[in-house]
Amino acid sequence: MKEISIGLIGFGIVGSGVVKILEENRDLLEARVGIPLRVKAIADLDIQTDRGVKVDRAVLTTDARQVLEDPEISIVVELIGGYEPARTFILQALGHGKMVVTANKALLAESGDEIFRAAHQSGVDVGFEAAVAGGIPILRSLREGLVANRFDKVMAILNGTCNFILTSMYDNPGVSFSDVLRQAQEMGYAEADPSLDVDGIDSAHKLVLVLGMTHGIRVRVSDLCVEGIRGITSFDVKMAKEFAYKIKLLALIISRGDMVEARVHPTMIPQHHPLATVDGVFNGIYLKGNMVGEQLFYGRGAGREPTASAVIGDIVECARNAAQGRGGLVPPLGYPEDWTAPVRVMDMNAVSTNYYLRVQAKDRPGVLSKISGIMADHCISIHSVVQKGRDASGSVPVVFITHRATEADIQAASTKIGELDVVDGRPTILRIEDETLD
């Protein structure tokens, strides 16, 4: 084989970054692979816009079939995102015996089983390092470098948009969620429709893939507890500071014997926790392995160059295997295709942790006793309580930090508290991950 031919489907921000790296680091990549890498075809609906990278216009096409059906192309890189036609393109590429590289976390979270099965049947590789945490090589580390470990806990900041918003609210007391979201959109950190990010869906897609690698469990987003950050107020951020916490949108995986907690939601963590220092648009993954102990992975989770760097890493791995005429040696999730996980995801109602409850209560005698009575009826012990001054509506924000309680009990108590005539609406609930609380 004189060279490895690559075909790209999608020539947007990441796709142009991939071509840029392949061109600028051509000699380095050839030295590492042992054979030249050549982009033979690039398919995109728009082949007129200047992407700011040098490319021979003869390789550009609006017809993806010129990538998928070319027998000389060994590796297909899918970078269009979304479900269709990305799913169809990937399955066609695998059916033609081509290696596939993608950054499409949403597709893999929903249709990964089908895609991985097709890759197994064709004996080829599917690389998707760029699907989680951008330029941080967390998936390869979990799948290969850390295979000796059982993972007791994974706590991850996997969405830079949410992390930017929460960091800005922490650093600028009094600023609202909506104001910071608008700023994030103006800076290009948030989409015009930010729902996938701020509602936790993007993080949940990534959690599905990480859970598959840490525990071999294959689930869908609909199987998980997923909450976003829209309900976080400047008051909540202020109170977190007073309790020496920071609020982060976390993807959590916690082993509990033959069960595993898997959830995405805003979480209070101690200011001294390693993830508390992961600010702005950066991502961080904190994990505990039973052999390596604690580890922290930190870096840029998005952007053209970091994401393209992860894509190139997969391309190089596929190219090395293609050059040797082999593929599928390492399963995509690190477990054999026919393996069944001996653990399963815990029902969210059974999860036990500590909680922050913010109640907007009328400034009347006996209100606290009514609220605490409901909490006691639901087996919830109060660790501390703080009552702040009356707000413009005449209600008083009261904050409770609880000892460990179950999700079922906290939700039931919250519903009852919200029904009191001395309370304005249902309490705001935030979960706390703090091992010093009992």
Protein backbone atom coordinates (compact mmCIF):
# COMPACT_ATOMS: atom_id res chain seq x y z
CA MET A 1 0.00 0.00 0.00
CA LYS A 2 1.54 3.28 -1.15
CA GLU A 3 -0.75 5.58 0.83
CA ILE A 4 -3.92 5.70 2.88
CA SER A 5 -6.78 7.55 1.19
CA ILE A 6 -9.25 9.43 3.37
CA GLY A 7 -12.71 10.75 2.54
CA LEU A 8 -14.47 13.46 4.54
CA ILE A 9 -18.21 13.97 4.72
CA GLY A 10 -18.67 17.41 6.21
CA PHE A 11 -16.34 20.35 5.61
CA GLY A 12 -17.43 22.72 8.33
CA ILE A 13 -15.46 23.99 11.32
CA VAL A 14 -14.08 20.63 12.45
CA GLY A 15 -13.73 19.23 8.94
CA SER A 16 -11.62 22.18 7.82
CA GLY A 17 -9.56 21.77 11.00
CA VAL A 18 -8.89 18.13 10.11
CA VAL A 19 -7.71 19.08 6.61
CA LYS A 20 -5.54 21.84 8.10
CA ILE A 21 -3.78 19.43 10.46
CA LEU A 22 -3.35 16.77 7.79
CA GLU A 23 -1.65 19.36 5.59
CA GLU A 24 0.45 21.22 8.17
CA ASN A 25 1.61 18.07 10.01
CA ARG A 26 1.90 15.87 6.94
CA ASP A 27 5.53 14.84 7.56
CA LEU A 28 4.94 14.14 11.25
CA LEU A 29 1.86 12.03 10.59
CA GLU A 30 3.57 10.08 7.80
CA ALA A 31 6.48 9.35 10.14
CA ARG A 32 4.10 8.08 12.82
CA VAL A 33 1.94 5.98 10.52
CA GLY A 34 4.76 4.83 8.25
CA ILE A 35 2.78 5.62 5.11
CA PRO A 36 1.41 8.88 3.59
CA LEU A 37 -2.14 10.02 4.39
CA ARG A 38 -4.04 11.68 1.53
CA VAL A 39 -7.44 13.35 1.47
CA LYS A 40 -8.94 12.02 -1.74
CA ALA A 41 -12.48 13.40 -1.47
CA ILE A 42 -14.42 15.92 0.61
CA ALA A 43 -18.22 15.92 0.39
CA ASP A 44 -20.28 18.87 1.56
CA LEU A 45 -23.43 20.62 0.38
CA ASP A 46 -21.46 23.88 0.27
CA ILE A 47 -18.19 23.60 -1.65
CA GLN A 48 -17.97 27.29 -2.56
CA THR A 49 -17.33 28.95 0.79
CA ASP A 50 -13.68 29.56 1.62
CA ARG A 51 -12.81 27.55 4.78
CA GLY A 52 -9.45 29.24 5.23
CA VAL A 53 -7.48 26.09 4.41
CA LYS A 54 -5.66 25.13 1.24
CA VAL A 55 -7.43 22.34 -0.62
CA ASP A 56 -7.39 21.10 -4.19
CA ARG A 57 -10.85 21.90 -5.55
CA ALA A 58 -10.77 18.67 -7.54
CA VAL A 59 -11.37 16.72 -4.30
CA LEU A 60 -14.54 18.68 -3.44
CA THR A 61 -17.94 17.21 -4.22
CA THR A 62 -21.56 17.64 -3.19
CA ASP A 63 -22.19 13.91 -3.63
CA ALA A 64 -21.37 11.77 -0.57
CA ARG A 65 -21.42 8.66 -2.76
CA GLN A 66 -18.07 9.71 -4.21
CA VAL A 67 -16.65 9.16 -0.72
CA LEU A 68 -18.67 6.11 0.26
CA GLU A 69 -18.28 4.12 -2.96
CA ASP A 70 -14.68 4.91 -3.89
CA PRO A 71 -12.76 1.62 -3.46
CA GLU A 72 -9.49 3.50 -2.88
CA ILE A 73 -10.79 5.32 0.20
CA SER A 74 -9.97 3.32 3.34
CA ILE A 75 -11.18 5.76 6.00
CA VAL A 76 -14.42 7.76 5.99
CA VAL A 77 -14.63 10.71 8.38
CA GLU A 78 -18.22 11.76 9.17
CA LEU A 79 -18.45 15.32 10.49
CA ILE A 80 -21.92 16.50 9.49
CA GLY A 81 -23.52 15.67 12.84
CA GLY A 82 -27.17 14.92 13.54
CA TYR A 83 -28.98 11.63 13.03
CA GLU A 84 -29.75 11.44 9.34
CA PRO A 85 -28.18 11.21 6.84
CA ALA A 86 -25.14 10.67 9.13
CA ARG A 87 -26.38 7.29 10.33
CA THR A 88 -27.01 6.07 6.79
CA PHE A 89 -23.63 7.31 5.57
CA ILE A 90 -21.77 5.58 8.42
CA LEU A 91 -23.59 2.29 7.92
CA GLN A 92 -22.92 2.41 4.19
CA ALA A 93 -19.23 3.09 4.79
CA LEU A 94 -19.00 0.16 7.20
CA GLY A 95 -20.89 -2.03 4.74
CA HIS A 96 -18.21 -1.24 2.15
CA GLY A 97 -15.53 -2.36 4.63
CA LYS A 98 -14.23 1.13 5.33
CA MET A 99 -12.94 2.38 8.67
CA VAL A 100 -15.09 5.18 10.12
CA VAL A 101 -14.16 8.17 12.27
CA THR A 102 -16.88 10.41 13.70
CA ALA A 103 -17.43 13.09 16.33
CA ASN A 104 -21.18 12.46 16.37
CA LYS A 105 -21.99 11.83 20.05
CA ALA A 106 -25.74 12.26 19.60
CA LEU A 107 -25.89 9.58 16.90
CA LEU A 108 -23.67 7.16 18.81
CA ALA A 109 -25.67 7.68 22.02
CA GLU A 110 -28.88 6.71 20.24
CA SER A 111 -27.71 4.29 17.53
CA GLY A 112 -24.32 3.15 18.79
CA ASP A 113 -25.39 -0.48 19.15
CA GLU A 114 -26.36 -0.68 15.48
CA ILE A 115 -23.19 1.05 14.30
CA PHE A 116 -20.82 -0.94 16.52
CA ARG A 117 -22.49 -4.19 15.46
CA ALA A 118 -22.03 -3.27 11.81
CA ALA A 119 -18.36 -2.47 12.41
CA HIS A 120 -17.90 -5.82 14.17
CA GLN A 121 -19.51 -7.70 11.30
CA SER A 122 -17.26 -5.96 8.77
CA GLY A 123 -14.13 -6.32 10.92
CA VAL A 124 -13.31 -2.61 10.82
CA ASP A 125 -12.74 0.18 13.31
CA VAL A 126 -15.03 3.00 14.44
CA GLY A 127 -13.16 5.88 16.08
CA PHE A 128 -15.06 8.52 18.04
CA GLU A 129 -12.60 10.11 20.47
CA ALA A 130 -13.78 13.58 19.45
CA ALA A 131 -17.34 12.77 20.54
CA VAL A 132 -16.50 13.34 24.23
CA ALA A 133 -14.48 16.23 25.71
CA GLY A 134 -12.97 17.48 22.46
CA GLY A 135 -9.20 17.31 22.58
CA ILE A 136 -9.02 15.40 25.90
CA PRO A 137 -8.16 11.75 25.14
CA ILE A 138 -10.54 10.39 27.76
CA LEU A 139 -12.16 7.62 25.72
CA ARG A 140 -8.88 6.07 24.60
CA SER A 141 -7.67 6.27 28.20
CA LEU A 142 -10.76 4.47 29.49
CA ARG A 143 -10.81 1.87 26.73
CA GLU A 144 -7.10 1.00 26.77
CA GLY A 145 -4.88 2.85 29.22
CA LEU A 146 -7.02 2.23 32.32
CA VAL A 147 -8.39 -1.23 31.55
CA ALA A 148 -6.92 -2.66 34.76
CA ASN A 149 -9.38 -0.62 36.82
CA ARG A 150 -12.86 -0.85 38.17
CA PHE A 151 -14.26 2.66 38.20
CA ASP A 152 -15.78 3.59 41.53
CA LYS A 153 -16.67 7.13 40.50
CA VAL A 154 -16.61 9.38 37.45
CA MET A 155 -17.56 13.05 37.76
CA ALA A 156 -17.30 15.05 34.57
CA ILE A 157 -17.82 18.56 33.23
CA LEU A 158 -18.55 17.78 29.59
CA ASN A 159 -20.23 20.91 28.28
CA GLY A 160 -18.22 24.10 27.87
CA THR A 161 -21.28 26.30 27.30
CA CYS A 162 -22.81 25.42 30.66
CA ASN A 163 -19.47 25.66 32.41
CA PHE A 164 -18.91 29.14 30.96
CA ILE A 165 -22.36 30.27 32.14
CA LEU A 166 -21.96 28.88 35.67
CA THR A 167 -18.42 30.26 35.97
CA SER A 168 -19.58 33.72 34.89
CA MET A 169 -22.45 33.65 37.39
CA TYR A 170 -20.01 32.67 40.14
CA ASP A 171 -17.46 35.36 39.23
CA ASN A 172 -20.04 38.13 38.73
CA PRO A 173 -22.42 38.18 41.71
CA GLY A 174 -25.97 39.11 40.83
CA VAL A 175 -25.75 38.42 37.10
CA SER A 176 -28.65 36.33 35.80
CA PHE A 177 -28.62 33.11 33.80
CA SER A 178 -30.33 34.80 30.86
CA ASP A 179 -27.78 37.63 30.78
CA VAL A 180 -24.82 35.24 30.75
CA LEU A 181 -26.48 33.01 28.16
CA ARG A 182 -26.88 36.03 25.89
CA GLN A 183 -23.19 36.86 26.40
CA ALA A 184 -22.22 33.25 25.59
CA GLN A 185 -24.21 33.45 22.35
CA GLU A 186 -22.54 36.72 21.39
CA MET A 187 -19.11 35.17 22.02
CA GLY A 188 -19.93 32.07 19.97
CA TYR A 189 -19.93 29.72 22.98
CA ALA A 190 -23.67 29.01 22.74
CA GLU A 191 -25.95 28.27 19.80
CA ALA A 192 -28.91 30.45 18.87
CA ASP A 193 -31.00 27.58 20.24
CA PRO A 194 -28.97 26.50 23.28
CA SER A 195 -31.35 23.75 24.40
CA LEU A 196 -29.05 20.77 23.81
CA ASP A 197 -26.39 22.41 25.97
CA VAL A 198 -28.25 24.14 28.79
CA ASP A 199 -30.85 21.39 29.20
CA GLY A 200 -28.12 18.78 29.78
CA ILE A 201 -28.78 16.70 26.63
CA ASP A 202 -25.30 17.19 25.16
CA SER A 203 -23.69 16.06 28.42
CA ALA A 204 -26.06 13.08 28.57
CA HIS A 205 -25.05 11.95 25.07
CA LYS A 206 -21.45 11.93 26.22
CA LEU A 207 -22.29 10.19 29.49
CA VAL A 208 -23.87 7.32 27.53
CA LEU A 209 -20.54 6.71 25.76
CA VAL A 210 -18.45 7.03 28.92
CA LEU A 211 -20.77 4.64 30.79
CA GLY A 212 -20.37 2.12 27.99
CA MET A 213 -16.60 2.22 28.41
CA THR A 214 -16.41 2.25 32.21
CA HIS A 215 -19.04 -0.42 32.89
CA GLY A 216 -20.02 -1.94 29.56
CA ILE A 217 -23.59 -0.76 30.07
CA ARG A 218 -25.46 0.33 26.95
CA VAL A 219 -28.27 2.77 27.64
CA ARG A 220 -30.00 5.66 25.95
CA VAL A 221 -30.45 9.20 27.16
CA SER A 222 -34.10 8.45 27.91
CA ASP A 223 -32.93 5.90 30.50
CA LEU A 224 -31.10 8.55 32.52
CA CYS A 225 -31.96 11.37 34.91
CA VAL A 226 -31.08 14.51 32.92
CA GLU A 227 -31.52 18.06 34.21
CA GLY A 228 -30.10 21.32 32.88
CA ILE A 229 -29.11 24.65 34.37
CA ARG A 230 -31.98 26.95 33.35
CA GLY A 231 -33.33 27.02 36.91
CA ILE A 232 -30.07 28.18 38.53
CA THR A 233 -30.40 31.71 39.92
CA SER A 234 -27.83 34.22 41.11
CA PHE A 235 -29.17 33.57 44.62
CA ASP A 236 -28.36 29.86 44.34
CA VAL A 237 -24.83 30.70 43.22
CA LYS A 238 -24.47 33.13 46.12
CA MET A 239 -25.64 30.53 48.61
CA ALA A 240 -23.28 27.95 47.13
CA LYS A 241 -20.44 30.38 47.85
CA GLU A 242 -21.59 30.82 51.44
CA PHE A 243 -21.52 27.06 51.94
CA ALA A 244 -18.07 26.90 50.25
CA TYR A 245 -19.44 25.14 47.16
CA LYS A 246 -19.45 25.70 43.43
CA ILE A 247 -22.26 24.71 41.10
CA LYS A 248 -21.24 22.64 38.07
CA LEU A 249 -23.26 20.73 35.50
CA LEU A 250 -21.94 17.23 36.13
CA ALA A 251 -22.24 13.90 34.40
CA LEU A 252 -21.94 11.34 37.20
CA ILE A 253 -21.23 7.61 37.26
CA ILE A 254 -21.03 6.07 40.75
CA SER A 255 -20.69 2.34 41.40
CA ARG A 256 -22.97 0.85 44.07
CA GLY A 257 -22.24 -2.88 44.12
CA ASP A 258 -24.22 -4.48 41.31
CA MET A 259 -25.86 -1.14 40.49
CA VAL A 260 -24.51 2.04 38.93
CA GLU A 261 -25.77 5.58 39.37
CA ALA A 262 -25.75 7.45 36.05
CA ARG A 263 -27.14 10.98 36.00
CA VAL A 264 -26.65 14.50 34.62
CA HIS A 265 -27.66 17.57 36.60
CA PRO A 266 -26.33 20.76 38.21
CA THR A 267 -24.40 19.76 41.32
CA MET A 268 -22.83 21.54 44.28
CA ILE A 269 -19.27 20.42 44.90
CA PRO A 270 -16.77 21.67 47.51
CA GLN A 271 -14.58 24.55 46.36
CA HIS A 272 -11.52 22.39 47.07
CA HIS A 273 -12.65 19.60 44.75
CA PRO A 274 -10.41 19.23 41.64
CA LEU A 275 -13.36 19.91 39.33
CA ALA A 276 -14.17 23.18 41.11
CA THR A 277 -11.12 24.74 39.43
CA VAL A 278 -12.29 23.74 35.93
CA ASP A 279 -13.78 27.04 34.77
CA GLY A 280 -14.86 28.83 31.62
CA VAL A 281 -15.30 26.75 28.48
CA PHE A 282 -12.93 24.03 29.67
CA ASN A 283 -13.92 20.42 30.35
CA GLY A 284 -12.74 18.19 33.17
CA ILE A 285 -13.13 14.51 34.00
CA TYR A 286 -12.40 13.34 37.54
CA LEU A 287 -12.33 9.61 38.16
CA LYS A 288 -11.47 7.08 40.82
CA GLY A 289 -10.07 3.76 39.69
CA ASN A 290 -9.57 0.99 42.20
CA MET A 291 -5.94 0.63 41.09
CA VAL A 292 -4.83 4.09 39.93
CA GLY A 293 -6.79 6.07 42.50
CA GLU A 294 -7.83 9.61 41.64
CA GLN A 295 -7.14 11.13 38.23
CA LEU A 296 -8.13 14.41 36.58
CA PHE A 297 -8.29 15.01 32.83
CA TYR A 298 -8.49 18.68 31.87
CA GLY A 299 -8.54 20.62 28.63
CA ARG A 300 -10.58 22.20 25.88
CA GLY A 301 -13.75 20.29 25.19
CA ALA A 302 -14.63 22.00 21.93
CA GLY A 303 -13.24 24.22 19.20
CA ARG A 304 -11.82 23.53 15.76
CA GLU A 305 -8.25 22.55 16.58
CA PRO A 306 -8.84 20.54 19.80
CA THR A 307 -11.69 18.54 18.23
CA ALA A 308 -9.83 18.07 14.95
CA SER A 309 -6.82 16.86 16.94
CA ALA A 310 -8.95 14.09 18.44
CA VAL A 311 -10.30 13.19 14.99
CA ILE A 312 -6.74 12.95 13.65
CA GLY A 313 -5.83 10.62 16.52
CA ASP A 314 -8.56 8.24 15.38
CA ILE A 315 -7.54 8.59 11.75
CA VAL A 316 -3.97 7.64 12.61
CA GLU A 317 -5.12 4.60 14.60
CA CYS A 318 -7.34 3.47 11.72
CA ALA A 319 -4.57 4.15 9.18
CA ARG A 320 -2.09 2.01 11.10
CA ASN A 321 -4.56 -0.87 11.13
CA ALA A 322 -5.49 -0.37 7.48
CA ALA A 323 -1.82 -0.40 6.50
CA GLN A 324 -1.49 -3.79 8.20
CA GLY A 325 -4.70 -5.08 6.65
CA ARG A 326 -6.43 -5.52 9.98
CA GLY A 327 -9.23 -3.88 11.93
CA GLY A 328 -11.66 -4.37 14.77
CA LEU A 329 -8.96 -5.60 17.14
CA VAL A 330 -10.15 -3.31 19.95
CA PRO A 331 -13.96 -3.17 20.32
CA PRO A 332 -15.37 0.38 20.17
CA LEU A 333 -16.44 0.37 23.82
CA GLY A 334 -13.65 -1.93 24.98
CA TYR A 335 -15.92 -4.95 25.53
CA PRO A 336 -16.66 -7.83 23.13
CA GLU A 337 -19.79 -7.29 21.06
CA ASP A 338 -21.62 -10.23 22.71
CA TRP A 339 -20.64 -9.30 26.29
CA THR A 340 -23.43 -8.54 28.78
CA ALA A 341 -22.73 -6.21 31.69
CA PRO A 342 -23.32 -7.76 35.15
CA VAL A 343 -24.48 -4.41 36.55
CA ARG A 344 -27.35 -2.13 35.65
CA VAL A 345 -28.29 1.51 36.07
CA MET A 346 -29.98 2.36 39.35
CA ASP A 347 -33.44 3.89 39.31
CA MET A 348 -33.04 7.58 40.11
CA ASN A 349 -35.60 7.36 42.91
CA ALA A 350 -33.29 4.97 44.76
CA VAL A 351 -30.26 7.31 44.56
CA SER A 352 -29.15 8.64 47.94
CA THR A 353 -27.18 11.87 48.30
CA ASN A 354 -27.23 15.27 50.04
CA TYR A 355 -29.48 18.09 48.90
CA TYR A 356 -29.84 21.86 48.77
CA LEU A 357 -33.46 23.04 48.98
CA ARG A 358 -34.43 26.66 48.41
CA VAL A 359 -37.93 27.49 49.61
CA GLN A 360 -39.66 30.82 49.03
CA ALA A 361 -41.72 31.09 52.22
CA LYS A 362 -44.13 33.65 53.65
CA ASP A 363 -42.67 35.61 56.54
CA ARG A 364 -45.01 34.18 59.15
CA PRO A 365 -44.59 32.38 62.47
CA GLY A 366 -44.44 28.59 62.30
CA VAL A 367 -43.47 28.31 58.66
CA LEU A 368 -40.12 26.66 59.36
CA SER A 369 -41.72 24.11 61.66
CA LYS A 370 -44.22 23.14 58.96
CA ILE A 371 -41.48 22.67 56.37
CA SER A 372 -39.19 20.78 58.72
CA GLY A 373 -42.12 18.62 59.81
CA ILE A 374 -42.76 17.54 56.22
CA MET A 375 -39.08 16.76 55.77
CA ALA A 376 -39.08 14.68 58.96
CA ASP A 377 -42.15 12.80 57.76
CA HIS A 378 -40.12 11.81 54.68
CA CYS A 379 -37.05 10.68 56.66
CA ILE A 380 -35.01 13.77 55.68
CA SER A 381 -32.62 15.05 58.32
CA ILE A 382 -31.57 18.71 58.15
CA HIS A 383 -27.84 19.45 58.29
CA SER A 384 -28.19 23.23 58.29
CA VAL A 385 -30.71 25.97 57.50
CA VAL A 386 -30.22 29.59 56.47
CA GLN A 387 -32.96 32.22 56.28
CA LYS A 388 -32.30 35.36 54.26
CA GLY A 389 -34.04 38.74 54.22
CA ARG A 390 -37.45 39.34 52.72
CA ASP A 391 -37.46 39.88 48.95
CA ALA A 392 -39.54 42.34 46.89
CA SER A 393 -42.57 40.00 46.87
CA GLY A 394 -42.58 39.77 50.66
CA SER A 395 -41.43 36.15 50.77
CA VAL A 396 -38.30 34.94 52.52
CA PRO A 397 -35.81 32.58 50.85
CA VAL A 398 -35.01 29.73 53.19
CA VAL A 399 -32.22 27.33 52.31
CA PHE A 400 -31.86 23.82 53.72
CA ILE A 401 -28.83 21.55 53.41
CA THR A 402 -29.83 17.98 54.16
CA HIS A 403 -28.06 14.92 55.39
CA ARG A 404 -28.12 11.99 52.98
CA ALA A 405 -31.60 11.22 51.69
CA THR A 406 -33.14 9.30 48.82
CA GLU A 407 -34.31 11.01 45.65
CA ALA A 408 -37.79 9.55 46.13
CA ASP A 409 -38.07 11.09 49.61
CA ILE A 410 -36.72 14.50 48.61
CA GLN A 411 -39.07 14.72 45.63
CA ALA A 412 -42.09 13.65 47.67
CA ALA A 413 -41.25 16.14 50.43
CA SER A 414 -40.70 18.89 47.87
CA THR A 415 -44.14 18.29 46.39
CA LYS A 416 -45.76 18.49 49.83
CA ILE A 417 -43.84 21.64 50.74
CA GLY A 418 -44.90 23.26 47.48
CA GLU A 419 -48.56 22.64 48.37
CA LEU A 420 -48.34 24.68 51.59
CA ASP A 421 -50.23 27.98 51.47
CA VAL A 422 -47.26 29.67 53.15
CA VAL A 423 -44.86 28.72 50.35
CA ASP A 424 -44.52 30.24 46.87
CA GLY A 425 -44.24 27.28 44.55
CA ARG A 426 -42.22 24.11 44.64
CA PRO A 427 -38.74 24.30 46.22
CA THR A 428 -35.64 24.44 44.05
CA ILE A 429 -33.58 21.27 44.48
CA LEU A 430 -29.85 20.91 43.84
CA ARG A 431 -27.90 17.76 44.60
CA ILE A 432 -24.65 17.93 46.57
CA GLU A 433 -21.61 15.68 46.12
CA ASP A 434 -19.63 16.20 49.33
CA GLU A 435 -18.13 13.21 51.11
CA THR A 436 -17.72 15.23 54.33
CA LEU A 437 -21.51 15.40 54.75
CA ASP A 438 -23.16 12.31 56.20
